[in-house]
Amino acid sequence: MTRLRWSIVAVAGVALALALGPRVLHAEEYTIDVSETEKKPYSLGGYVELRPALFWLDQDAAMYKLRFYDRNEGQTLPEYNATLQLDGSIEKGGATGEKAQA
């Protein structure tokens, strides 16, 4: 960017900060009352991860000829990796070791 463009961007940024500044400074404070929340006796969680990969193959390389000597894999070789992790817990009683009442 040229100097003129940087100057315009800087002036626009300052103008935006001045326009939004008072709104941010006068925002109301948010409070949470912990007594209103209830702890669940269970916990569930986990994640899924998908990772596709595409490898470009050098058909003139010695390793290509050793690995794929009996078939033609072409220019690319796709690979797909997936991970699934699930976790959960159930709490019976409390953290103090109290027995659960049935």
C-alpha atoms as a PDB file:
ATOM      1  CA  MET A   1       0.000   0.000   0.000  1.00  0.00           C
ATOM      2  CA  THR A   2       1.104   3.502  -0.661  1.00  0.00           C
ATOM      3  CA  ARG A   3       1.535   6.140   2.009  1.00  0.00           C
ATOM      4  CA  LEU A   4      -1.724   7.824   1.056  1.00  0.00           C
ATOM      5  CA  ARG A   5      -3.679   4.587   1.492  1.00  0.00           C
ATOM      6  CA  TRP A   6      -2.081   3.911   4.873  1.00  0.00           C
ATOM      7  CA  SER A   7      -2.973   7.433   5.971  1.00  0.00           C
ATOM      8  CA  ILE A   8      -6.591   6.939   4.923  1.00  0.00           C
ATOM      9  CA  VAL A   9      -6.737   3.607   6.762  1.00  0.00           C
ATOM     10  CA  ALA A  10      -5.243   5.177   9.899  1.00  0.00           C
ATOM     11  CA  VAL A  11      -7.690   8.094   9.857  1.00  0.00           C
ATOM     12  CA  ALA A  12     -10.621   5.718   9.327  1.00  0.00           C
ATOM     13  CA  GLY A  13      -9.440   3.555  12.228  1.00  0.00           C
ATOM     14  CA  VAL A  14      -9.156   6.539  14.570  1.00  0.00           C
ATOM     15  CA  ALA A  15     -12.604   7.781  13.513  1.00  0.00           C
ATOM     16  CA  LEU A  16     -14.106   4.341  14.168  1.00  0.00           C
ATOM     17  CA  ALA A  17     -12.448   4.130  17.585  1.00  0.00           C
ATOM     18  CA  LEU A  18     -13.763   7.569  18.530  1.00  0.00           C
ATOM     19  CA  ALA A  19     -17.270   6.691  17.337  1.00  0.00           C
ATOM     20  CA  LEU A  20     -17.446   3.369  19.195  1.00  0.00           C
ATOM     21  CA  GLY A  21     -15.373   4.353  22.232  1.00  0.00           C
ATOM     22  CA  PRO A  22     -18.141   5.976  24.307  1.00  0.00           C
ATOM     23  CA  ARG A  23     -20.427   2.987  23.767  1.00  0.00           C
ATOM     24  CA  VAL A  24     -17.808   0.609  25.083  1.00  0.00           C
ATOM     25  CA  LEU A  25     -16.963   2.805  28.086  1.00  0.00           C
ATOM     26  CA  HIS A  26     -20.608   3.171  29.156  1.00  0.00           C
ATOM     27  CA  ALA A  27     -21.548  -0.506  28.871  1.00  0.00           C
ATOM     28  CA  GLU A  28     -23.506  -2.002  31.758  1.00  0.00           C
ATOM     29  CA  GLU A  29     -21.737  -4.459  34.010  1.00  0.00           C
ATOM     30  CA  TYR A  30     -22.905  -8.048  33.712  1.00  0.00           C
ATOM     31  CA  THR A  31     -23.228 -10.080  36.909  1.00  0.00           C
ATOM     32  CA  ILE A  32     -23.907 -13.764  37.473  1.00  0.00           C
ATOM     33  CA  ASP A  33     -25.668 -15.151  40.519  1.00  0.00           C
ATOM     34  CA  VAL A  34     -24.030 -18.538  41.157  1.00  0.00           C
ATOM     35  CA  SER A  35     -26.846 -19.627  43.499  1.00  0.00           C
ATOM     36  CA  GLU A  36     -29.218 -19.695  40.481  1.00  0.00           C
ATOM     37  CA  THR A  37     -27.147 -22.349  38.711  1.00  0.00           C
ATOM     38  CA  GLU A  38     -27.488 -26.031  39.440  1.00  0.00           C
ATOM     39  CA  LYS A  39     -24.654 -28.514  39.005  1.00  0.00           C
ATOM     40  CA  LYS A  40     -25.609 -31.549  36.958  1.00  0.00           C
ATOM     41  CA  PRO A  41     -24.608 -34.990  38.290  1.00  0.00           C
ATOM     42  CA  TYR A  42     -23.280 -35.957  34.868  1.00  0.00           C
ATOM     43  CA  SER A  43     -20.890 -34.635  32.276  1.00  0.00           C
ATOM     44  CA  LEU A  44     -20.731 -35.460  28.560  1.00  0.00           C
ATOM     45  CA  GLY A  45     -18.152 -34.263  26.072  1.00  0.00           C
ATOM     46  CA  GLY A  46     -15.888 -35.195  23.239  1.00  0.00           C
ATOM     47  CA  TYR A  47     -14.731 -34.166  19.810  1.00  0.00           C
ATOM     48  CA  VAL A  48     -14.544 -35.321  16.208  1.00  0.00           C
ATOM     49  CA  GLU A  49     -11.543 -34.551  14.029  1.00  0.00           C
ATOM     50  CA  LEU A  50     -11.389 -35.146  10.284  1.00  0.00           C
ATOM     51  CA  ARG A  51      -8.099 -34.551   8.464  1.00  0.00           C
ATOM     52  CA  PRO A  52      -8.003 -35.149   4.738  1.00  0.00           C
ATOM     53  CA  ALA A  53      -4.613 -35.069   3.011  1.00  0.00           C
ATOM     54  CA  LEU A  54      -3.652 -35.141  -0.648  1.00  0.00           C
ATOM     55  CA  PHE A  55      -0.157 -36.269  -1.617  1.00  0.00           C
ATOM     56  CA  TRP A  56       1.395 -35.485  -4.994  1.00  0.00           C
ATOM     57  CA  LEU A  57       3.442 -38.423  -6.224  1.00  0.00           C
ATOM     58  CA  ASP A  58       6.668 -38.248  -8.179  1.00  0.00           C
ATOM     59  CA  GLN A  59       6.304 -41.122 -10.622  1.00  0.00           C
ATOM     60  CA  ASP A  60       9.985 -40.920 -11.562  1.00  0.00           C
ATOM     61  CA  ALA A  61      11.203 -41.384  -7.964  1.00  0.00           C
ATOM     62  CA  ALA A  62      12.778 -44.680  -6.917  1.00  0.00           C
ATOM     63  CA  MET A  63      10.478 -45.053  -3.890  1.00  0.00           C
ATOM     64  CA  TYR A  64       7.395 -44.698  -6.110  1.00  0.00           C
ATOM     65  CA  LYS A  65       8.675 -47.474  -8.336  1.00  0.00           C
ATOM     66  CA  LEU A  66       9.364 -49.718  -5.326  1.00  0.00           C
ATOM     67  CA  ARG A  67       6.054 -49.090  -3.583  1.00  0.00           C
ATOM     68  CA  PHE A  68       3.740 -49.027  -6.604  1.00  0.00           C
ATOM     69  CA  TYR A  69       5.630 -51.259  -9.042  1.00  0.00           C
ATOM     70  CA  ASP A  70       2.604 -53.396  -9.884  1.00  0.00           C
ATOM     71  CA  ARG A  71      -0.033 -50.635 -10.223  1.00  0.00           C
ATOM     72  CA  ASN A  72      -0.387 -47.083 -11.471  1.00  0.00           C
ATOM     73  CA  GLU A  73      -1.565 -44.765  -8.664  1.00  0.00           C
ATOM     74  CA  GLY A  74      -1.539 -41.644 -10.826  1.00  0.00           C
ATOM     75  CA  GLN A  75      -0.338 -38.179  -9.818  1.00  0.00           C
ATOM     76  CA  THR A  76      -2.107 -37.876  -6.447  1.00  0.00           C
ATOM     77  CA  LEU A  77      -2.844 -40.142  -3.501  1.00  0.00           C
ATOM     78  CA  PRO A  78      -5.645 -39.141  -1.102  1.00  0.00           C
ATOM     79  CA  GLU A  79      -5.579 -40.029   2.597  1.00  0.00           C
ATOM     80  CA  TYR A  80      -8.327 -39.556   5.178  1.00  0.00           C
ATOM     81  CA  ASN A  81      -7.717 -39.580   8.928  1.00  0.00           C
ATOM     82  CA  ALA A  82     -10.516 -39.416  11.488  1.00  0.00           C
ATOM     83  CA  THR A  83     -10.545 -39.313  15.264  1.00  0.00           C
ATOM     84  CA  LEU A  84     -13.544 -39.649  17.547  1.00  0.00           C
ATOM     85  CA  GLN A  85     -13.148 -39.161  21.284  1.00  0.00           C
ATOM     86  CA  LEU A  86     -16.075 -39.398  23.678  1.00  0.00           C
ATOM     87  CA  ASP A  87     -15.880 -38.852  27.403  1.00  0.00           C
ATOM     88  CA  GLY A  88     -18.394 -38.666  30.195  1.00  0.00           C
ATOM     89  CA  SER A  89     -18.726 -38.960  33.923  1.00  0.00           C
ATOM     90  CA  ILE A  90     -21.425 -39.526  36.521  1.00  0.00           C
ATOM     91  CA  GLU A  91     -21.026 -38.160  40.013  1.00  0.00           C
ATOM     92  CA  LYS A  92     -22.668 -40.089  42.804  1.00  0.00           C
ATOM     93  CA  GLY A  93     -22.653 -38.212  46.067  1.00  0.00           C
ATOM     94  CA  GLY A  94     -20.627 -35.068  46.409  1.00  0.00           C
ATOM     95  CA  ALA A  95     -17.032 -34.043  46.321  1.00  0.00           C
ATOM     96  CA  THR A  96     -16.976 -34.399  50.115  1.00  0.00           C
ATOM     97  CA  GLY A  97     -17.690 -38.123  49.919  1.00  0.00           C
ATOM     98  CA  GLU A  98     -21.358 -37.994  50.946  1.00  0.00           C
ATOM     99  CA  LYS A  99     -23.458 -41.040  50.161  1.00  0.00           C
ATOM    100  CA  ALA A 100     -26.237 -40.591  47.620  1.00  0.00           C
ATOM    101  CA  GLN A 101     -29.796 -40.859  49.020  1.00  0.00           C
ATOM    102  CA  ALA A 102     -32.152 -43.050  47.030  1.00  0.00           C
END
